Amino acid sequence: MNLGIIIQARMGSTRLPGKVLMPIAGRPLLDHVLGRLKQLGREARVVVATSSLDRDDPIAEHCRGLSDCYRGNELDVLDRYFCCTEAYGFDHVVRLTADNPFTDIDELDRLIELHLDTGYDYTHAFGMLPLGVGAEIFTRDALTRSQMDGLAPHHREHVNEYIHENPQRFHIGILDIPSTKRAPQLRLTVDNREDYERACRLALLAAPDWQTTAGAIAAC
């Protein structure tokens, strides 16, 4: 069984260009995402998936010595994930994004375990955790079916859209979240300048505990 973690990243954000390499607590945002994954209990290969555009060269250069890097279509994110999965021969793929520095690694370990133990096609941890803290995992077959049949523009832009719109075609699992971590009203993603400034404040307020999800939530 070949487990991969693919982190999508690009410099061309319309709301906050270049955010994935902007500093938080003295380190690029992307480094915090990669750093958290070192705490993962299950062995997995980590790949940063960026675009083949020149403006994303800084991401590829930054990944040298830190992580594998795959380059593909900027706007067709589903195709980028599918081709990366094929290139590395992954059987199961965790999807993360480079603008979420607060991913809960304990819950990610539980998510992977649930997915693999139950044989789900697609398993996610969204809805109860703060925005930007959860994750999702796909089988290679689920990604393949999405790639072949998810032809609408929004299916290509968002990797999970075809699955969410066609739940009858997939065996879907949802991770049960402990009550102490249920805070869906909180934003812990970095989508715009306000989010970025919040993340920077949390890094200062919660240090050294800010790298745990509980520490970040408490600081909010």
Protein backbone atom coordinates (compact mmCIF):
# COMPACT_ATOMS: atom_id res chain seq x y z
CA MET A 1 0.00 0.00 0.00
CA ASN A 2 1.50 3.29 -1.16
CA LEU A 3 0.17 6.29 0.79
CA GLY A 4 0.80 9.79 -0.48
CA ILE A 5 0.14 13.27 0.87
CA ILE A 6 -0.24 15.85 -1.87
CA ILE A 7 -0.10 19.51 -0.85
CA GLN A 8 -1.44 21.85 -3.51
CA ALA A 9 0.40 25.17 -3.68
CA ARG A 10 0.64 28.08 -6.06
CA MET A 11 1.81 31.69 -6.00
CA GLY A 12 -1.13 33.03 -8.01
CA SER A 13 -3.75 33.47 -5.31
CA THR A 14 -6.08 36.31 -6.30
CA ARG A 15 -6.80 37.38 -2.71
CA LEU A 16 -3.28 37.05 -1.30
CA PRO A 17 -0.63 36.49 -4.00
CA GLY A 18 2.46 34.60 -2.88
CA LYS A 19 0.91 33.63 0.45
CA VAL A 20 2.35 30.09 0.54
CA LEU A 21 5.86 31.50 0.98
CA MET A 22 4.94 34.42 3.23
CA PRO A 23 6.55 34.23 6.70
CA ILE A 24 4.72 33.13 9.82
CA ALA A 25 6.83 33.14 13.00
CA GLY A 26 9.94 33.47 10.85
CA ARG A 27 9.22 30.53 8.53
CA PRO A 28 7.35 30.34 5.21
CA LEU A 29 3.75 29.22 5.54
CA LEU A 30 4.49 26.13 3.43
CA ASP A 31 7.21 25.07 5.87
CA HIS A 32 4.68 24.96 8.70
CA VAL A 33 2.48 22.63 6.68
CA LEU A 34 5.44 20.37 5.89
CA GLY A 35 6.74 20.57 9.46
CA ARG A 36 3.50 19.35 10.97
CA LEU A 37 3.55 16.28 8.77
CA LYS A 38 6.77 15.14 10.45
CA GLN A 39 4.58 14.35 13.46
CA LEU A 40 2.38 11.95 11.45
CA GLY A 41 2.35 8.46 12.90
CA ARG A 42 1.83 6.65 9.59
CA GLU A 43 4.50 6.53 6.91
CA ALA A 44 3.58 8.52 3.82
CA ARG A 45 5.37 10.22 0.95
CA VAL A 46 4.81 13.97 0.83
CA VAL A 47 4.64 15.82 -2.49
CA VAL A 48 4.05 19.52 -3.06
CA ALA A 49 1.99 19.86 -6.25
CA THR A 50 2.37 23.24 -7.90
CA SER A 51 1.86 24.47 -11.44
CA SER A 52 4.21 24.44 -14.41
CA LEU A 53 3.98 28.25 -14.74
CA ASP A 54 7.14 30.34 -14.34
CA ARG A 55 5.62 32.25 -11.45
CA ASP A 56 5.56 29.01 -9.43
CA ASP A 57 9.28 28.41 -9.90
CA PRO A 58 9.95 29.82 -6.38
CA ILE A 59 7.82 27.05 -4.88
CA ALA A 60 9.72 24.35 -6.78
CA GLU A 61 13.04 25.91 -5.75
CA HIS A 62 11.93 26.17 -2.14
CA CYS A 63 11.00 22.48 -2.06
CA ARG A 64 14.55 21.39 -2.86
CA GLY A 65 15.76 19.41 0.13
CA LEU A 66 12.39 19.72 1.87
CA SER A 67 9.92 17.72 -0.19
CA ASP A 68 9.23 16.14 -3.55
CA CYS A 69 7.64 18.57 -5.98
CA TYR A 70 5.30 17.79 -8.86
CA ARG A 71 4.33 20.39 -11.47
CA GLY A 72 1.14 20.32 -13.50
CA ASN A 73 -1.89 22.31 -14.62
CA GLU A 74 -2.50 25.45 -12.56
CA LEU A 75 -6.27 25.74 -12.91
CA ASP A 76 -7.19 22.07 -13.43
CA VAL A 77 -6.36 21.02 -9.89
CA LEU A 78 -8.12 17.67 -10.25
CA ASP A 79 -5.87 16.83 -13.19
CA ARG A 80 -2.83 17.92 -11.18
CA TYR A 81 -3.79 15.55 -8.35
CA PHE A 82 -4.62 12.71 -10.67
CA CYS A 83 -1.37 13.01 -12.66
CA CYS A 84 0.68 13.34 -9.47
CA THR A 85 -1.00 10.23 -8.06
CA GLU A 86 -0.21 8.33 -11.25
CA ALA A 87 3.39 9.58 -11.36
CA TYR A 88 4.11 8.37 -7.81
CA GLY A 89 1.93 5.27 -7.94
CA PHE A 90 -0.08 6.23 -4.87
CA ASP A 91 -2.91 3.89 -3.83
CA HIS A 92 -4.41 6.42 -1.40
CA VAL A 93 -3.93 10.19 -1.39
CA VAL A 94 -4.38 12.72 1.41
CA ARG A 95 -5.20 16.17 0.08
CA LEU A 96 -3.83 19.18 1.94
CA THR A 97 -3.40 22.78 0.87
CA ALA A 98 -0.40 25.03 1.46
CA ASP A 99 -2.55 27.75 3.03
CA ASN A 100 -3.57 25.66 6.06
CA PRO A 101 -0.78 25.80 8.67
CA PHE A 102 -2.96 24.40 11.48
CA THR A 103 -3.81 20.92 10.17
CA ASP A 104 -4.61 18.65 13.14
CA ILE A 105 -2.12 15.81 12.81
CA ASP A 106 -3.75 13.63 15.48
CA GLU A 107 -7.04 13.81 13.59
CA LEU A 108 -5.24 13.22 10.31
CA ASP A 109 -3.77 10.02 11.70
CA ARG A 110 -7.25 8.95 12.80
CA LEU A 111 -8.68 9.89 9.40
CA ILE A 112 -6.13 7.75 7.56
CA GLU A 113 -6.76 4.84 9.91
CA LEU A 114 -10.53 5.07 9.42
CA HIS A 115 -10.17 5.26 5.66
CA LEU A 116 -7.83 2.30 5.35
CA ASP A 117 -9.59 0.09 7.90
CA THR A 118 -13.07 0.53 6.44
CA GLY A 119 -12.36 0.53 2.72
CA TYR A 120 -13.99 3.89 2.01
CA ASP A 121 -13.45 5.49 -1.39
CA TYR A 122 -13.28 8.94 0.13
CA THR A 123 -13.06 9.98 3.78
CA HIS A 124 -13.03 13.50 5.21
CA ALA A 125 -12.82 15.38 8.51
CA PHE A 126 -14.73 18.54 7.57
CA GLY A 127 -17.71 20.25 9.18
CA MET A 128 -16.85 20.16 12.90
CA LEU A 129 -13.21 21.21 13.03
CA PRO A 130 -12.21 24.86 12.47
CA LEU A 131 -11.98 25.83 8.80
CA GLY A 132 -8.50 24.92 7.57
CA VAL A 133 -7.83 22.22 10.17
CA GLY A 134 -9.46 19.17 8.58
CA ALA A 135 -8.29 16.98 5.71
CA GLU A 136 -9.56 14.41 3.22
CA ILE A 137 -8.26 11.19 1.68
CA PHE A 138 -9.11 9.54 -1.63
CA THR A 139 -8.46 6.13 -3.11
CA ARG A 140 -6.71 6.13 -6.44
CA ASP A 141 -9.87 4.69 -8.00
CA ALA A 142 -12.00 7.55 -6.64
CA LEU A 143 -9.63 10.09 -8.15
CA THR A 144 -9.63 8.20 -11.44
CA ARG A 145 -13.43 8.18 -11.62
CA SER A 146 -13.51 11.89 -10.75
CA GLN A 147 -10.90 12.62 -13.44
CA MET A 148 -12.86 10.73 -16.09
CA ASP A 149 -16.38 11.87 -15.24
CA GLY A 150 -15.99 15.19 -13.45
CA LEU A 151 -15.96 17.41 -16.52
CA ALA A 152 -17.65 20.59 -15.27
CA PRO A 153 -15.34 23.56 -14.59
CA HIS A 154 -15.93 23.44 -10.83
CA HIS A 155 -15.08 19.72 -10.80
CA ARG A 156 -11.67 20.57 -12.25
CA GLU A 157 -11.00 23.44 -9.86
CA HIS A 158 -11.90 21.53 -6.68
CA VAL A 159 -10.67 17.96 -6.31
CA ASN A 160 -13.59 16.76 -4.19
CA GLU A 161 -16.51 18.47 -5.98
CA TYR A 162 -17.47 15.57 -8.24
CA ILE A 163 -17.55 13.17 -5.28
CA HIS A 164 -19.67 15.49 -3.15
CA GLU A 165 -22.12 15.96 -6.00
CA ASN A 166 -22.34 12.22 -6.69
CA PRO A 167 -22.28 10.51 -3.26
CA GLN A 168 -24.23 7.53 -4.62
CA ARG A 169 -21.21 6.58 -6.72
CA PHE A 170 -18.77 6.46 -3.81
CA HIS A 171 -18.43 4.84 -0.40
CA ILE A 172 -17.91 7.93 1.76
CA GLY A 173 -16.73 8.11 5.36
CA ILE A 174 -16.80 11.03 7.81
CA LEU A 175 -14.47 11.16 10.79
CA ASP A 176 -16.16 11.67 14.16
CA ILE A 177 -14.50 14.66 15.86
CA PRO A 178 -14.01 14.85 19.66
CA SER A 179 -16.26 17.45 21.28
CA THR A 180 -13.24 19.39 22.61
CA LYS A 181 -12.14 20.13 19.05
CA ARG A 182 -15.50 21.04 17.56
CA ALA A 183 -15.27 24.69 16.58
CA PRO A 184 -16.54 25.06 12.99
CA GLN A 185 -17.11 28.77 13.51
CA LEU A 186 -13.36 29.45 13.66
CA ARG A 187 -11.19 30.29 10.63
CA LEU A 188 -7.69 28.83 10.80
CA THR A 189 -7.02 28.94 7.08
CA VAL A 190 -5.01 31.65 5.29
CA ASP A 191 -7.10 32.86 2.38
CA ASN A 192 -6.73 36.63 2.64
CA ARG A 193 -4.74 39.34 4.43
CA GLU A 194 -6.97 39.22 7.52
CA ASP A 195 -6.46 35.44 7.81
CA TYR A 196 -2.71 35.86 7.41
CA GLU A 197 -2.50 38.50 10.12
CA ARG A 198 -4.56 36.27 12.41
CA ALA A 199 -2.19 33.35 11.82
CA CYS A 200 0.78 35.57 12.62
CA ARG A 201 -0.85 36.71 15.87
CA LEU A 202 -1.66 33.13 16.83
CA ALA A 203 1.95 32.15 16.25
CA LEU A 204 2.98 34.77 18.80
CA LEU A 205 0.15 34.31 21.31
CA ALA A 206 0.22 30.53 21.45
CA ALA A 207 3.95 29.87 21.08
CA PRO A 208 5.24 27.24 21.57
CA ASP A 209 1.83 25.54 21.61
CA TRP A 210 0.58 27.21 18.45
CA GLN A 211 1.80 24.29 16.37
CA THR A 212 -0.85 22.12 18.00
CA THR A 213 -4.45 22.58 16.96
CA ALA A 214 -5.56 22.80 20.58
CA GLY A 215 -3.07 25.62 21.17
CA ALA A 216 -4.29 27.55 18.15
CA ILE A 217 -7.95 27.16 19.12
CA ALA A 218 -7.21 28.27 22.70
CA ALA A 219 -5.41 31.36 21.43
CA CYS A 220 -8.49 32.32 19.43
